[in-house]
Each structure stands twice: as structure tokens, then as C-alpha cells.
Amino acid sequence: MASDPLPDRTFVHADGKLAEFMCQVSLLELTVERARVLRHIHRFHHPDECRVHLEAAYLLLVEDCW
């Protein structure tokens, strides 16, 4: 039996409403400004359970390092 391929991922545009209401999606075209907004919206979600929170926090961390 072959190993399972990478898990399916759902991508949404970071500037759309779905990014505000869904947690288990990957973000397309995320900007620093939008990352701040999404991180605030998802602020009470644990990053391990909310991909939007995690991706927004990661982008902000990377940007702060530059």
C-alpha cells in the first residue's frame, strides 16, 4: 500500500471574508497589513488549531526580523 500523499489543503485569498471565518485554510497573497487584521480576528484561537492565526503570526515575525 502506498503512503498517503500530502494532506489536502484549502487555499483562500487573504483579503476575502473566508479568511476571517475559516481557521483551517491556507492564505494566498497575505500582506503585513492583512496579517495584522486576521491575527486580531483570530486572536483567541490557538495557533496549533488555527492555520490563519499561525500564518499571520509567522508573516509578522518574519517581517519584524527584516
PDB file of N, CA and C in Angstrom:
ATOM      1  N   MET A   1       0.849  -1.173   0.000  1.00  0.00           N
ATOM      2  CA  MET A   1       0.000   0.000   0.000  1.00  0.00           C
ATOM      3  C   MET A   1       0.897   1.240   0.000  1.00  0.00           C
ATOM      4  N   ALA A   2       0.635   2.144  -0.880  1.00  0.00           N
ATOM      5  CA  ALA A   2       1.436   3.377  -0.994  1.00  0.00           C
ATOM      6  C   ALA A   2       1.136   4.295   0.174  1.00  0.00           C
ATOM      7  N   SER A   3       2.130   5.078   0.535  1.00  0.00           N
ATOM      8  CA  SER A   3       1.906   6.028   1.626  1.00  0.00           C
ATOM      9  C   SER A   3       0.945   7.119   1.166  1.00  0.00           C
ATOM     10  N   ASP A   4       0.259   7.689   2.133  1.00  0.00           N
ATOM     11  CA  ASP A   4      -0.711   8.733   1.846  1.00  0.00           C
ATOM     12  C   ASP A   4       0.008   9.985   1.354  1.00  0.00           C
ATOM     13  N   PRO A   5      -0.446  10.620   0.274  1.00  0.00           N
ATOM     14  CA  PRO A   5       0.180  11.862  -0.183  1.00  0.00           C
ATOM     15  C   PRO A   5      -0.051  12.972   0.834  1.00  0.00           C
ATOM     16  N   LEU A   6       0.506  14.103   0.568  1.00  0.00           N
ATOM     17  CA  LEU A   6       0.313  15.240   1.464  1.00  0.00           C
ATOM     18  C   LEU A   6      -1.174  15.492   1.678  1.00  0.00           C
ATOM     19  N   PRO A   7      -1.544  15.891   2.884  1.00  0.00           N
ATOM     20  CA  PRO A   7      -2.970  16.156   3.133  1.00  0.00           C
ATOM     21  C   PRO A   7      -3.506  17.268   2.239  1.00  0.00           C
ATOM     22  N   ASP A   8      -4.789  17.175   1.944  1.00  0.00           N
ATOM     23  CA  ASP A   8      -5.426  18.219   1.143  1.00  0.00           C
ATOM     24  C   ASP A   8      -5.397  19.540   1.897  1.00  0.00           C
ATOM     25  N   ARG A   9      -5.202  20.612   1.154  1.00  0.00           N
ATOM     26  CA  ARG A   9      -5.216  21.944   1.747  1.00  0.00           C
ATOM     27  C   ARG A   9      -6.162  22.818   0.950  1.00  0.00           C
ATOM     28  N   THR A  10      -6.844  23.690   1.648  1.00  0.00           N
ATOM     29  CA  THR A  10      -7.751  24.636   1.023  1.00  0.00           C
ATOM     30  C   THR A  10      -7.097  26.000   1.072  1.00  0.00           C
ATOM     31  N   PHE A  11      -7.050  26.659  -0.062  1.00  0.00           N
ATOM     32  CA  PHE A  11      -6.445  27.986  -0.157  1.00  0.00           C
ATOM     33  C   PHE A  11      -7.540  29.022  -0.393  1.00  0.00           C
ATOM     34  N   VAL A  12      -7.435  30.135   0.323  1.00  0.00           N
ATOM     35  CA  VAL A  12      -8.357  31.257   0.121  1.00  0.00           C
ATOM     36  C   VAL A  12      -7.534  32.538   0.031  1.00  0.00           C
ATOM     37  N   HIS A  13      -8.106  33.530  -0.605  1.00  0.00           N
ATOM     38  CA  HIS A  13      -7.440  34.829  -0.680  1.00  0.00           C
ATOM     39  C   HIS A  13      -7.471  35.479   0.694  1.00  0.00           C
ATOM     40  N   ALA A  14      -6.334  35.978   1.115  1.00  0.00           N
ATOM     41  CA  ALA A  14      -6.211  36.574   2.447  1.00  0.00           C
ATOM     42  C   ALA A  14      -7.125  37.775   2.629  1.00  0.00           C
ATOM     43  N   ASP A  15      -7.432  38.472   1.549  1.00  0.00           N
ATOM     44  CA  ASP A  15      -8.262  39.665   1.684  1.00  0.00           C
ATOM     45  C   ASP A  15      -9.761  39.367   1.611  1.00  0.00           C
ATOM     46  N   GLY A  16     -10.136  38.096   1.534  1.00  0.00           N
ATOM     47  CA  GLY A  16     -11.546  37.728   1.446  1.00  0.00           C
ATOM     48  C   GLY A  16     -12.167  37.420   2.802  1.00  0.00           C
ATOM     49  N   LYS A  17     -13.489  37.348   2.810  1.00  0.00           N
ATOM     50  CA  LYS A  17     -14.245  37.064   4.037  1.00  0.00           C
ATOM     51  C   LYS A  17     -13.980  35.657   4.569  1.00  0.00           C
ATOM     52  N   LEU A  18     -13.710  34.695   3.682  1.00  0.00           N
ATOM     53  CA  LEU A  18     -13.468  33.336   4.151  1.00  0.00           C
ATOM     54  C   LEU A  18     -12.279  33.273   5.104  1.00  0.00           C
ATOM     55  N   ALA A  19     -11.273  34.082   4.871  1.00  0.00           N
ATOM     56  CA  ALA A  19     -10.104  34.108   5.749  1.00  0.00           C
ATOM     57  C   ALA A  19     -10.467  34.607   7.145  1.00  0.00           C
ATOM     58  N   GLU A  20     -11.538  35.346   7.251  1.00  0.00           N
ATOM     59  CA  GLU A  20     -11.973  35.861   8.552  1.00  0.00           C
ATOM     60  C   GLU A  20     -12.787  34.831   9.332  1.00  0.00           C
ATOM     61  N   PHE A  21     -13.448  33.912   8.631  1.00  0.00           N
ATOM     62  CA  PHE A  21     -14.353  32.981   9.291  1.00  0.00           C
ATOM     63  C   PHE A  21     -13.842  31.545   9.352  1.00  0.00           C
ATOM     64  N   MET A  22     -12.903  31.190   8.510  1.00  0.00           N
ATOM     65  CA  MET A  22     -12.394  29.826   8.487  1.00  0.00           C
ATOM     66  C   MET A  22     -11.005  29.783   9.126  1.00  0.00           C
ATOM     67  N   CYS A  23     -10.727  28.695   9.819  1.00  0.00           N
ATOM     68  CA  CYS A  23      -9.434  28.565  10.503  1.00  0.00           C
ATOM     69  C   CYS A  23      -8.473  27.622   9.791  1.00  0.00           C
ATOM     70  N   GLN A  24      -8.969  26.592   9.181  1.00  0.00           N
ATOM     71  CA  GLN A  24      -8.111  25.566   8.590  1.00  0.00           C
ATOM     72  C   GLN A  24      -7.932  25.778   7.092  1.00  0.00           C
ATOM     73  N   VAL A  25      -7.527  26.980   6.730  1.00  0.00           N
ATOM     74  CA  VAL A  25      -7.247  27.305   5.335  1.00  0.00           C
ATOM     75  C   VAL A  25      -5.868  27.938   5.245  1.00  0.00           C
ATOM     76  N   SER A  26      -5.261  27.818   4.079  1.00  0.00           N
ATOM     77  CA  SER A  26      -4.001  28.493   3.810  1.00  0.00           C
ATOM     78  C   SER A  26      -4.306  29.774   3.052  1.00  0.00           C
ATOM     79  N   LEU A  27      -3.485  30.775   3.293  1.00  0.00           N
ATOM     80  CA  LEU A  27      -3.773  32.100   2.757  1.00  0.00           C
ATOM     81  C   LEU A  27      -2.951  32.419   1.515  1.00  0.00           C
ATOM     82  N   LEU A  28      -3.613  33.010   0.536  1.00  0.00           N
ATOM     83  CA  LEU A  28      -2.960  33.467  -0.685  1.00  0.00           C
ATOM     84  C   LEU A  28      -2.799  34.982  -0.622  1.00  0.00           C
ATOM     85  N   GLU A  29      -1.656  35.474  -1.048  1.00  0.00           N
ATOM     86  CA  GLU A  29      -1.396  36.912  -1.166  1.00  0.00           C
ATOM     87  C   GLU A  29      -1.578  37.657   0.162  1.00  0.00           C
ATOM     88  N   LEU A  30      -1.036  37.090   1.215  1.00  0.00           N
ATOM     89  CA  LEU A  30      -1.130  37.716   2.538  1.00  0.00           C
ATOM     90  C   LEU A  30      -0.139  38.874   2.645  1.00  0.00           C
ATOM     91  N   THR A  31      -0.644  40.027   3.032  1.00  0.00           N
ATOM     92  CA  THR A  31       0.200  41.204   3.245  1.00  0.00           C
ATOM     93  C   THR A  31       0.367  41.427   4.745  1.00  0.00           C
ATOM     94  N   VAL A  32       1.315  42.268   5.104  1.00  0.00           N
ATOM     95  CA  VAL A  32       1.547  42.575   6.512  1.00  0.00           C
ATOM     96  C   VAL A  32       0.307  43.217   7.130  1.00  0.00           C
ATOM     97  N   GLU A  33      -0.293  44.155   6.425  1.00  0.00           N
ATOM     98  CA  GLU A  33      -1.480  44.827   6.950  1.00  0.00           C
ATOM     99  C   GLU A  33      -2.619  43.841   7.182  1.00  0.00           C
ATOM    100  N   ARG A  34      -2.840  42.967   6.208  1.00  0.00           N
ATOM    101  CA  ARG A  34      -3.929  41.989   6.345  1.00  0.00           C
ATOM    102  C   ARG A  34      -3.592  40.953   7.411  1.00  0.00           C
ATOM    103  N   ALA A  35      -2.320  40.611   7.567  1.00  0.00           N
ATOM    104  CA  ALA A  35      -1.913  39.677   8.615  1.00  0.00           C
ATOM    105  C   ALA A  35      -2.253  40.236   9.988  1.00  0.00           C
ATOM    106  N   ARG A  36      -2.054  41.525  10.170  1.00  0.00           N
ATOM    107  CA  ARG A  36      -2.410  42.154  11.454  1.00  0.00           C
ATOM    108  C   ARG A  36      -3.912  42.057  11.720  1.00  0.00           C
ATOM    109  N   VAL A  37      -4.704  42.310  10.691  1.00  0.00           N
ATOM    110  CA  VAL A  37      -6.171  42.244  10.835  1.00  0.00           C
ATOM    111  C   VAL A  37      -6.604  40.810  11.148  1.00  0.00           C
ATOM    112  N   LEU A  38      -6.105  39.859  10.387  1.00  0.00           N
ATOM    113  CA  LEU A  38      -6.505  38.462  10.589  1.00  0.00           C
ATOM    114  C   LEU A  38      -6.024  37.927  11.934  1.00  0.00           C
ATOM    115  N   ARG A  39      -4.848  38.334  12.349  1.00  0.00           N
ATOM    116  CA  ARG A  39      -4.354  37.890  13.650  1.00  0.00           C
ATOM    117  C   ARG A  39      -5.251  38.431  14.760  1.00  0.00           C
ATOM    118  N   HIS A  40      -5.736  39.659  14.602  1.00  0.00           N
ATOM    119  CA  HIS A  40      -6.657  40.219  15.594  1.00  0.00           C
ATOM    120  C   HIS A  40      -7.985  39.456  15.588  1.00  0.00           C
ATOM    121  N   ILE A  41      -8.506  39.170  14.422  1.00  0.00           N
ATOM    122  CA  ILE A  41      -9.778  38.448  14.311  1.00  0.00           C
ATOM    123  C   ILE A  41      -9.662  37.060  14.939  1.00  0.00           C
ATOM    124  N   HIS A  42      -8.557  36.382  14.714  1.00  0.00           N
ATOM    125  CA  HIS A  42      -8.353  35.005  15.188  1.00  0.00           C
ATOM    126  C   HIS A  42      -7.554  34.960  16.487  1.00  0.00           C
ATOM    127  N   ARG A  43      -7.460  36.065  17.192  1.00  0.00           N
ATOM    128  CA  ARG A  43      -6.565  36.180  18.351  1.00  0.00           C
ATOM    129  C   ARG A  43      -6.859  35.204  19.481  1.00  0.00           C
ATOM    130  N   PHE A  44      -8.078  34.750  19.618  1.00  0.00           N
ATOM    131  CA  PHE A  44      -8.407  33.823  20.700  1.00  0.00           C
ATOM    132  C   PHE A  44      -8.270  32.360  20.281  1.00  0.00           C
ATOM    133  N   HIS A  45      -7.880  32.129  19.042  1.00  0.00           N
ATOM    134  CA  HIS A  45      -7.687  30.764  18.543  1.00  0.00           C
ATOM    135  C   HIS A  45      -6.246  30.349  18.791  1.00  0.00           C
ATOM    136  N   HIS A  46      -6.075  29.137  19.246  1.00  0.00           N
ATOM    137  CA  HIS A  46      -4.729  28.618  19.475  1.00  0.00           C
ATOM    138  C   HIS A  46      -4.054  28.400  18.120  1.00  0.00           C
ATOM    139  N   PRO A  47      -2.814  28.881  17.959  1.00  0.00           N
ATOM    140  CA  PRO A  47      -2.135  28.758  16.656  1.00  0.00           C
ATOM    141  C   PRO A  47      -2.016  27.322  16.151  1.00  0.00           C
ATOM    142  N   ASP A  48      -1.938  26.345  17.039  1.00  0.00           N
ATOM    143  CA  ASP A  48      -1.851  24.950  16.600  1.00  0.00           C
ATOM    144  C   ASP A  48      -3.168  24.447  16.006  1.00  0.00           C
ATOM    145  N   GLU A  49      -4.257  25.150  16.289  1.00  0.00           N
ATOM    146  CA  GLU A  49      -5.570  24.727  15.800  1.00  0.00           C
ATOM    147  C   GLU A  49      -6.146  25.680  14.756  1.00  0.00           C
ATOM    148  N   CYS A  50      -5.439  26.769  14.487  1.00  0.00           N
ATOM    149  CA  CYS A  50      -5.939  27.782  13.555  1.00  0.00           C
ATOM    150  C   CYS A  50      -4.809  28.167  12.596  1.00  0.00           C
ATOM    151  N   ARG A  51      -4.886  27.652  11.394  1.00  0.00           N
ATOM    152  CA  ARG A  51      -3.830  27.912  10.417  1.00  0.00           C
ATOM    153  C   ARG A  51      -3.745  29.394  10.057  1.00  0.00           C
ATOM    154  N   VAL A  52      -4.879  30.096  10.047  1.00  0.00           N
ATOM    155  CA  VAL A  52      -4.882  31.525   9.717  1.00  0.00           C
ATOM    156  C   VAL A  52      -4.076  32.300  10.759  1.00  0.00           C
ATOM    157  N   HIS A  53      -4.320  32.015  12.034  1.00  0.00           N
ATOM    158  CA  HIS A  53      -3.564  32.667  13.109  1.00  0.00           C
ATOM    159  C   HIS A  53      -2.076  32.376  12.957  1.00  0.00           C
ATOM    160  N   LEU A  54      -1.745  31.115  12.688  1.00  0.00           N
ATOM    161  CA  LEU A  54      -0.347  30.711  12.557  1.00  0.00           C
ATOM    162  C   LEU A  54       0.334  31.389  11.374  1.00  0.00           C
ATOM    163  N   GLU A  55      -0.300  31.402  10.223  1.00  0.00           N
ATOM    164  CA  GLU A  55       0.308  32.019   9.041  1.00  0.00           C
ATOM    165  C   GLU A  55       0.456  33.528   9.211  1.00  0.00           C
ATOM    166  N   ALA A  56      -0.537  34.169   9.823  1.00  0.00           N
ATOM    167  CA  ALA A  56      -0.452  35.613  10.053  1.00  0.00           C
ATOM    168  C   ALA A  56       0.675  35.929  11.029  1.00  0.00           C
ATOM    169  N   ALA A  57       0.748  35.180  12.120  1.00  0.00           N
ATOM    170  CA  ALA A  57       1.804  35.410  13.113  1.00  0.00           C
ATOM    171  C   ALA A  57       3.182  35.166  12.508  1.00  0.00           C
ATOM    172  N   TYR A  58       3.310  34.137  11.690  1.00  0.00           N
ATOM    173  CA  TYR A  58       4.598  33.834  11.065  1.00  0.00           C
ATOM    174  C   TYR A  58       5.034  34.969  10.140  1.00  0.00           C
ATOM    175  N   LEU A  59       4.125  35.456   9.318  1.00  0.00           N
ATOM    176  CA  LEU A  59       4.472  36.551   8.414  1.00  0.00           C
ATOM    177  C   LEU A  59       4.921  37.783   9.199  1.00  0.00           C
ATOM    178  N   LEU A  60       4.206  38.108  10.262  1.00  0.00           N
ATOM    179  CA  LEU A  60       4.571  39.265  11.062  1.00  0.00           C
ATOM    180  C   LEU A  60       5.935  39.075  11.732  1.00  0.00           C
ATOM    181  N   LEU A  61       6.219  37.867  12.183  1.00  0.00           N
ATOM    182  CA  LEU A  61       7.518  37.572  12.788  1.00  0.00           C
ATOM    183  C   LEU A  61       8.638  37.731  11.769  1.00  0.00           C
ATOM    184  N   VAL A  62       8.446  37.180  10.594  1.00  0.00           N
ATOM    185  CA  VAL A  62       9.461  37.266   9.536  1.00  0.00           C
ATOM    186  C   VAL A  62       9.683  38.729   9.134  1.00  0.00           C
ATOM    187  N   GLU A  63       8.617  39.485   8.999  1.00  0.00           N
ATOM    188  CA  GLU A  63       8.743  40.893   8.615  1.00  0.00           C
ATOM    189  C   GLU A  63       9.472  41.702   9.682  1.00  0.00           C
ATOM    190  N   ASP A  64       9.246  41.380  10.959  1.00  0.00           N
ATOM    191  CA  ASP A  64       9.920  42.095  12.046  1.00  0.00           C
ATOM    192  C   ASP A  64      11.415  41.823  12.055  1.00  0.00           C
ATOM    193  N   CYS A  65      11.816  40.668  11.549  1.00  0.00           N
ATOM    194  CA  CYS A  65      13.230  40.305  11.519  1.00  0.00           C
ATOM    195  C   CYS A  65      14.001  41.055  10.439  1.00  0.00           C
ATOM    196  N   TRP A  66      13.311  41.600   9.451  1.00  0.00           N
ATOM    197  CA  TRP A  66      13.974  42.324   8.368  1.00  0.00           C
ATOM    198  C   TRP A  66      14.102  43.724   8.781  1.00  0.00           C
TER     199      TRP A  66
END
